[in-house]
Amino acid sequence: MSTTQVPNLRLLYERDETAWLEAMAALAASGQYADMDFEHLSEYLAAMVKRDQRELFSRLVVLLSHLLKCEYQPEHRSGSWRRTILEQQRELRQLFESGTLRKHALAVFADAYADARKEAAAETGLARTAFPEQSPWSLDRALEYDDGANASQ
């Protein structure tokens, strides 16, 4: 690729993001940095950070709302709730392989809990005040939570 293809990269970014990524990867691998579309690369990377942060926040809300439901409506615990808890714990641990995302989780934990409290109230029919204002779990405790339902297996 040569510098004459840079405008094509910009057009490619708008038309086919995957093809653009492949072209950018090939340029980087071959050391052709001058030909790279840094304007869009910067935009793309910033969007990836936001996407990861949104995913992390969403997973925290789902995990915490299910923990609340399990604790405050134990008679309604189901395999589906347990599976959701395990899935969110697993996915969050994978996301936390990035220390930066773990720090972000700690920074947004209280906001995620506030949203989870609203969701749990809406899903259970319990008043929001039935749930503690502050999370009864730390981030680490939420990731380790186990209701013991499968302890004999």
Foldseek 3Di string as FASTA:
>chain_A
DDLVCLVVLVVCCVVPVVVSVVVQVVCVVVVVVVNHPVVVVVVVVVVVVVVLLVVLLVLLLLLLLLVCCCVLVVVPDDPVSVVSLLVSLVVNVVSCVPVVSVVSCQVCVLVSNQNSLVVNCVVPVNDSVSDDNGRPDHPVCSSVDDPCPVVVD
